[in-house]
Amino acid sequence: MEVLVSVEEAARRLGGLSKWTIHSWLSKGRMQRTKVGGRTMIRESELLKVIEDGGKSASPRRRGD
């Protein structure tokens, strides 16, 4: 069974980001949420994806970049 962490814990593990940044990433689809009852939780594998990605935005690149 995979470890689930709270939004606050995810923010802490990703270098002290705000929980609002995590919520923004969730709403933009950059990370996937898992609902447990009424709580939003994040799988540890989702955190690893962000870390492996180097924190890069999932948005498309502009021309000339």
PDB file of N, CA and C in Angstrom:
ATOM      1  N   MET A   1       0.832  -1.178   0.000  1.00  0.00           N
ATOM      2  CA  MET A   1       0.000   0.000   0.000  1.00  0.00           C
ATOM      3  C   MET A   1       0.883   1.249   0.000  1.00  0.00           C
ATOM      4  N   GLU A   2       0.531   2.207  -0.836  1.00  0.00           N
ATOM      5  CA  GLU A   2       1.349   3.407  -0.985  1.00  0.00           C
ATOM      6  C   GLU A   2       1.086   4.412   0.146  1.00  0.00           C
ATOM      7  N   VAL A   3       2.139   5.120   0.518  1.00  0.00           N
ATOM      8  CA  VAL A   3       2.045   6.129   1.573  1.00  0.00           C
ATOM      9  C   VAL A   3       1.308   7.354   1.028  1.00  0.00           C
ATOM     10  N   LEU A   4       0.359   7.867   1.810  1.00  0.00           N
ATOM     11  CA  LEU A   4      -0.351   9.091   1.475  1.00  0.00           C
ATOM     12  C   LEU A   4       0.074  10.176   2.453  1.00  0.00           C
ATOM     13  N   VAL A   5       0.233  11.404   1.942  1.00  0.00           N
ATOM     14  CA  VAL A   5       0.593  12.523   2.814  1.00  0.00           C
ATOM     15  C   VAL A   5      -0.424  13.645   2.620  1.00  0.00           C
ATOM     16  N   SER A   6      -0.550  14.476   3.634  1.00  0.00           N
ATOM     17  CA  SER A   6      -1.455  15.617   3.559  1.00  0.00           C
ATOM     18  C   SER A   6      -0.869  16.686   2.640  1.00  0.00           C
ATOM     19  N   VAL A   7      -1.689  17.643   2.267  1.00  0.00           N
ATOM     20  CA  VAL A   7      -1.226  18.760   1.442  1.00  0.00           C
ATOM     21  C   VAL A   7      -0.111  19.506   2.178  1.00  0.00           C
ATOM     22  N   GLU A   8      -0.289  19.721   3.474  1.00  0.00           N
ATOM     23  CA  GLU A   8       0.723  20.427   4.264  1.00  0.00           C
ATOM     24  C   GLU A   8       2.041  19.671   4.298  1.00  0.00           C
ATOM     25  N   GLU A   9       1.970  18.346   4.459  1.00  0.00           N
ATOM     26  CA  GLU A   9       3.189  17.528   4.475  1.00  0.00           C
ATOM     27  C   GLU A   9       3.848  17.516   3.099  1.00  0.00           C
ATOM     28  N   ALA A  10       3.054  17.461   2.045  1.00  0.00           N
ATOM     29  CA  ALA A  10       3.606  17.502   0.685  1.00  0.00           C
ATOM     30  C   ALA A  10       4.353  18.810   0.464  1.00  0.00           C
ATOM     31  N   ALA A  11       3.758  19.910   0.907  1.00  0.00           N
ATOM     32  CA  ALA A  11       4.398  21.224   0.764  1.00  0.00           C
ATOM     33  C   ALA A  11       5.732  21.252   1.511  1.00  0.00           C
ATOM     34  N   ARG A  12       5.749  20.697   2.712  1.00  0.00           N
ATOM     35  CA  ARG A  12       6.984  20.652   3.504  1.00  0.00           C
ATOM     36  C   ARG A  12       8.047  19.811   2.814  1.00  0.00           C
ATOM     37  N   ARG A  13       7.656  18.640   2.308  1.00  0.00           N
ATOM     38  CA  ARG A  13       8.609  17.738   1.656  1.00  0.00           C
ATOM     39  C   ARG A  13       9.155  18.303   0.352  1.00  0.00           C
ATOM     40  N   LEU A  14       8.407  19.201  -0.265  1.00  0.00           N
ATOM     41  CA  LEU A  14       8.859  19.802  -1.522  1.00  0.00           C
ATOM     42  C   LEU A  14       9.606  21.101  -1.285  1.00  0.00           C
ATOM     43  N   GLY A  15      10.214  21.214  -0.129  1.00  0.00           N
ATOM     44  CA  GLY A  15      11.102  22.341   0.134  1.00  0.00           C
ATOM     45  C   GLY A  15      10.455  23.526   0.802  1.00  0.00           C
ATOM     46  N   GLY A  16       9.340  23.302   1.481  1.00  0.00           N
ATOM     47  CA  GLY A  16       8.714  24.393   2.211  1.00  0.00           C
ATOM     48  C   GLY A  16       7.813  25.268   1.355  1.00  0.00           C
ATOM     49  N   LEU A  17       7.236  24.687   0.313  1.00  0.00           N
ATOM     50  CA  LEU A  17       6.265  25.429  -0.498  1.00  0.00           C
ATOM     51  C   LEU A  17       5.035  25.721   0.344  1.00  0.00           C
ATOM     52  N   SER A  18       4.216  26.648  -0.102  1.00  0.00           N
ATOM     53  CA  SER A  18       2.974  26.900   0.613  1.00  0.00           C
ATOM     54  C   SER A  18       1.948  25.838   0.219  1.00  0.00           C
ATOM     55  N   LYS A  19       0.991  25.599   1.109  1.00  0.00           N
ATOM     56  CA  LYS A  19      -0.050  24.628   0.786  1.00  0.00           C
ATOM     57  C   LYS A  19      -0.901  25.139  -0.381  1.00  0.00           C
ATOM     58  N   TRP A  20      -0.935  26.449  -0.577  1.00  0.00           N
ATOM     59  CA  TRP A  20      -1.697  27.021  -1.694  1.00  0.00           C
ATOM     60  C   TRP A  20      -1.025  26.701  -3.031  1.00  0.00           C
ATOM     61  N   THR A  21       0.288  26.602  -3.037  1.00  0.00           N
ATOM     62  CA  THR A  21       0.992  26.180  -4.257  1.00  0.00           C
ATOM     63  C   THR A  21       0.608  24.747  -4.598  1.00  0.00           C
ATOM     64  N   ILE A  22       0.556  23.891  -3.602  1.00  0.00           N
ATOM     65  CA  ILE A  22       0.175  22.492  -3.827  1.00  0.00           C
ATOM     66  C   ILE A  22      -1.258  22.419  -4.353  1.00  0.00           C
ATOM     67  N   HIS A  23      -2.165  23.189  -3.743  1.00  0.00           N
ATOM     68  CA  HIS A  23      -3.555  23.201  -4.215  1.00  0.00           C
ATOM     69  C   HIS A  23      -3.626  23.691  -5.663  1.00  0.00           C
ATOM     70  N   SER A  24      -2.829  24.670  -6.008  1.00  0.00           N
ATOM     71  CA  SER A  24      -2.791  25.185  -7.373  1.00  0.00           C
ATOM     72  C   SER A  24      -2.328  24.092  -8.331  1.00  0.00           C
ATOM     73  N   TRP A  25      -1.264  23.395  -7.974  1.00  0.00           N
ATOM     74  CA  TRP A  25      -0.749  22.313  -8.817  1.00  0.00           C
ATOM     75  C   TRP A  25      -1.797  21.222  -8.989  1.00  0.00           C
ATOM     76  N   LEU A  26      -2.530  20.922  -7.917  1.00  0.00           N
ATOM     77  CA  LEU A  26      -3.579  19.903  -7.997  1.00  0.00           C
ATOM     78  C   LEU A  26      -4.680  20.338  -8.960  1.00  0.00           C
ATOM     79  N   SER A  27      -5.092  21.593  -8.867  1.00  0.00           N
ATOM     80  CA  SER A  27      -6.178  22.060  -9.738  1.00  0.00           C
ATOM     81  C   SER A  27      -5.740  22.162 -11.194  1.00  0.00           C
ATOM     82  N   LYS A  28      -4.441  22.383 -11.430  1.00  0.00           N
ATOM     83  CA  LYS A  28      -3.923  22.459 -12.796  1.00  0.00           C
ATOM     84  C   LYS A  28      -3.564  21.089 -13.366  1.00  0.00           C
ATOM     85  N   GLY A  29      -3.663  20.052 -12.539  1.00  0.00           N
ATOM     86  CA  GLY A  29      -3.359  18.704 -13.006  1.00  0.00           C
ATOM     87  C   GLY A  29      -1.887  18.351 -12.962  1.00  0.00           C
ATOM     88  N   ARG A  30      -1.083  19.197 -12.353  1.00  0.00           N
ATOM     89  CA  ARG A  30       0.347  18.913 -12.263  1.00  0.00           C
ATOM     90  C   ARG A  30       0.620  17.756 -11.310  1.00  0.00           C
ATOM     91  N   MET A  31      -0.250  17.612 -10.313  1.00  0.00           N
ATOM     92  CA  MET A  31      -0.184  16.498  -9.373  1.00  0.00           C
ATOM     93  C   MET A  31      -1.586  15.917  -9.268  1.00  0.00           C
ATOM     94  N   GLN A  32      -1.657  14.633  -8.946  1.00  0.00           N
ATOM     95  CA  GLN A  32      -2.946  13.973  -8.772  1.00  0.00           C
ATOM     96  C   GLN A  32      -3.280  13.872  -7.287  1.00  0.00           C
ATOM     97  N   ARG A  33      -4.531  14.120  -6.965  1.00  0.00           N
ATOM     98  CA  ARG A  33      -4.981  14.011  -5.574  1.00  0.00           C
ATOM     99  C   ARG A  33      -5.661  12.674  -5.350  1.00  0.00           C
ATOM    100  N   THR A  34      -5.687  12.260  -4.105  1.00  0.00           N
ATOM    101  CA  THR A  34      -6.436  11.087  -3.673  1.00  0.00           C
ATOM    102  C   THR A  34      -7.319  11.546  -2.533  1.00  0.00           C
ATOM    103  N   LYS A  35      -8.616  11.347  -2.667  1.00  0.00           N
ATOM    104  CA  LYS A  35      -9.543  11.762  -1.620  1.00  0.00           C
ATOM    105  C   LYS A  35      -9.702  10.617  -0.623  1.00  0.00           C
ATOM    106  N   VAL A  36      -9.578  10.944   0.655  1.00  0.00           N
ATOM    107  CA  VAL A  36      -9.801   9.985   1.732  1.00  0.00           C
ATOM    108  C   VAL A  36     -10.845  10.633   2.628  1.00  0.00           C
ATOM    109  N   GLY A  37     -12.074  10.149   2.513  1.00  0.00           N
ATOM    110  CA  GLY A  37     -13.165  10.836   3.197  1.00  0.00           C
ATOM    111  C   GLY A  37     -13.280  12.227   2.590  1.00  0.00           C
ATOM    112  N   GLY A  38     -13.210  13.244   3.417  1.00  0.00           N
ATOM    113  CA  GLY A  38     -13.255  14.614   2.932  1.00  0.00           C
ATOM    114  C   GLY A  38     -11.886  15.244   2.755  1.00  0.00           C
ATOM    115  N   ARG A  39     -10.834  14.493   3.045  1.00  0.00           N
ATOM    116  CA  ARG A  39      -9.476  15.046   2.995  1.00  0.00           C
ATOM    117  C   ARG A  39      -8.811  14.811   1.647  1.00  0.00           C
ATOM    118  N   THR A  40      -8.041  15.780   1.236  1.00  0.00           N
ATOM    119  CA  THR A  40      -7.219  15.639   0.036  1.00  0.00           C
ATOM    120  C   THR A  40      -5.851  15.141   0.467  1.00  0.00           C
ATOM    121  N   MET A  41      -5.462  14.015  -0.073  1.00  0.00           N
ATOM    122  CA  MET A  41      -4.163  13.432   0.224  1.00  0.00           C
ATOM    123  C   MET A  41      -3.399  13.283  -1.089  1.00  0.00           C
ATOM    124  N   ILE A  42      -2.083  13.152  -0.961  1.00  0.00           N
ATOM    125  CA  ILE A  42      -1.229  13.020  -2.133  1.00  0.00           C
ATOM    126  C   ILE A  42      -0.356  11.784  -1.957  1.00  0.00           C
ATOM    127  N   ARG A  43      -0.311  10.977  -2.999  1.00  0.00           N
ATOM    128  CA  ARG A  43       0.524   9.771  -2.960  1.00  0.00           C
ATOM    129  C   ARG A  43       1.995  10.181  -2.984  1.00  0.00           C
ATOM    130  N   GLU A  44       2.791   9.434  -2.268  1.00  0.00           N
ATOM    131  CA  GLU A  44       4.226   9.707  -2.237  1.00  0.00           C
ATOM    132  C   GLU A  44       4.827   9.654  -3.639  1.00  0.00           C
ATOM    133  N   SER A  45       4.305   8.783  -4.501  1.00  0.00           N
ATOM    134  CA  SER A  45       4.813   8.681  -5.874  1.00  0.00           C
ATOM    135  C   SER A  45       4.595   9.984  -6.644  1.00  0.00           C
ATOM    136  N   GLU A  46       3.532  10.736  -6.326  1.00  0.00           N
ATOM    137  CA  GLU A  46       3.293  12.030  -6.964  1.00  0.00           C
ATOM    138  C   GLU A  46       4.377  13.027  -6.562  1.00  0.00           C
ATOM    139  N   LEU A  47       4.788  12.989  -5.303  1.00  0.00           N
ATOM    140  CA  LEU A  47       5.867  13.869  -4.843  1.00  0.00           C
ATOM    141  C   LEU A  47       7.162  13.534  -5.574  1.00  0.00           C
ATOM    142  N   LEU A  48       7.432  12.247  -5.735  1.00  0.00           N
ATOM    143  CA  LEU A  48       8.658  11.828  -6.420  1.00  0.00           C
ATOM    144  C   LEU A  48       8.663  12.281  -7.870  1.00  0.00           C
ATOM    145  N   LYS A  49       7.493  12.273  -8.529  1.00  0.00           N
ATOM    146  CA  LYS A  49       7.411  12.751  -9.913  1.00  0.00           C
ATOM    147  C   LYS A  49       7.812  14.225  -9.995  1.00  0.00           C
ATOM    148  N   VAL A  50       7.305  15.029  -9.073  1.00  0.00           N
ATOM    149  CA  VAL A  50       7.632  16.459  -9.072  1.00  0.00           C
ATOM    150  C   VAL A  50       9.121  16.655  -8.816  1.00  0.00           C
ATOM    151  N   ILE A  51       9.675  15.902  -7.882  1.00  0.00           N
ATOM    152  CA  ILE A  51      11.097  16.016  -7.563  1.00  0.00           C
ATOM    153  C   ILE A  51      11.943  15.594  -8.765  1.00  0.00           C
ATOM    154  N   GLU A  52      11.589  14.479  -9.389  1.00  0.00           N
ATOM    155  CA  GLU A  52      12.340  13.999 -10.557  1.00  0.00           C
ATOM    156  C   GLU A  52      12.244  14.974 -11.720  1.00  0.00           C
ATOM    157  N   ASP A  53      11.114  15.667 -11.811  1.00  0.00           N
ATOM    158  CA  ASP A  53      10.901  16.650 -12.865  1.00  0.00           C
ATOM    159  C   ASP A  53      11.683  17.932 -12.600  1.00  0.00           C
ATOM    160  N   GLY A  54      12.282  18.022 -11.430  1.00  0.00           N
ATOM    161  CA  GLY A  54      13.063  19.198 -11.084  1.00  0.00           C
ATOM    162  C   GLY A  54      12.201  20.413 -10.783  1.00  0.00           C
ATOM    163  N   GLY A  55      10.918  20.189 -10.491  1.00  0.00           N
ATOM    164  CA  GLY A  55      10.028  21.291 -10.180  1.00  0.00           C
ATOM    165  C   GLY A  55       9.597  22.079 -11.398  1.00  0.00           C
ATOM    166  N   LYS A  56       9.880  21.552 -12.587  1.00  0.00           N
ATOM    167  CA  LYS A  56       9.527  22.261 -13.819  1.00  0.00           C
ATOM    168  C   LYS A  56       8.027  22.284 -13.999  1.00  0.00           C
ATOM    169  N   SER A  57       7.561  23.339 -14.607  1.00  0.00           N
ATOM    170  CA  SER A  57       6.144  23.471 -14.902  1.00  0.00           C
ATOM    171  C   SER A  57       5.754  22.490 -15.988  1.00  0.00           C
ATOM    172  N   ALA A  58       4.553  21.970 -15.893  1.00  0.00           N
ATOM    173  CA  ALA A  58       4.042  21.071 -16.919  1.00  0.00           C
ATOM    174  C   ALA A  58       3.451  21.843 -18.095  1.00  0.00           C
ATOM    175  N   SER A  59       3.488  23.161 -18.038  1.00  0.00           N
ATOM    176  CA  SER A  59       2.907  23.978 -19.102  1.00  0.00           C
ATOM    177  C   SER A  59       3.768  23.882 -20.355  1.00  0.00           C
ATOM    178  N   PRO A  60       3.140  24.075 -21.534  1.00  0.00           N
ATOM    179  CA  PRO A  60       3.918  24.001 -22.777  1.00  0.00           C
ATOM    180  C   PRO A  60       4.945  25.099 -22.865  1.00  0.00           C
ATOM    181  N   ARG A  61       6.029  24.809 -23.546  1.00  0.00           N
ATOM    182  CA  ARG A  61       7.114  25.793 -23.715  1.00  0.00           C
ATOM    183  C   ARG A  61       6.711  26.825 -24.756  1.00  0.00           C
ATOM    184  N   ARG A  62       7.197  28.028 -24.559  1.00  0.00           N
ATOM    185  CA  ARG A  62       6.962  29.093 -25.550  1.00  0.00           C
ATOM    186  C   ARG A  62       7.935  28.919 -26.699  1.00  0.00           C
ATOM    187  N   ARG A  63       7.562  29.458 -27.848  1.00  0.00           N
ATOM    188  CA  ARG A  63       8.487  29.418 -28.974  1.00  0.00           C
ATOM    189  C   ARG A  63       9.705  30.253 -28.650  1.00  0.00           C
ATOM    190  N   GLY A  64      10.845  29.797 -29.056  1.00  0.00           N
ATOM    191  CA  GLY A  64      12.094  30.513 -28.823  1.00  0.00           C
ATOM    192  C   GLY A  64      12.788  30.134 -27.533  1.00  0.00           C
ATOM    193  N   ASP A  65      12.159  29.240 -26.741  1.00  0.00           N
ATOM    194  CA  ASP A  65      12.818  28.799 -25.502  1.00  0.00           C
ATOM    195  C   ASP A  65      13.807  27.706 -25.780  1.00  0.00           C
TER     196      ASP A  65
END
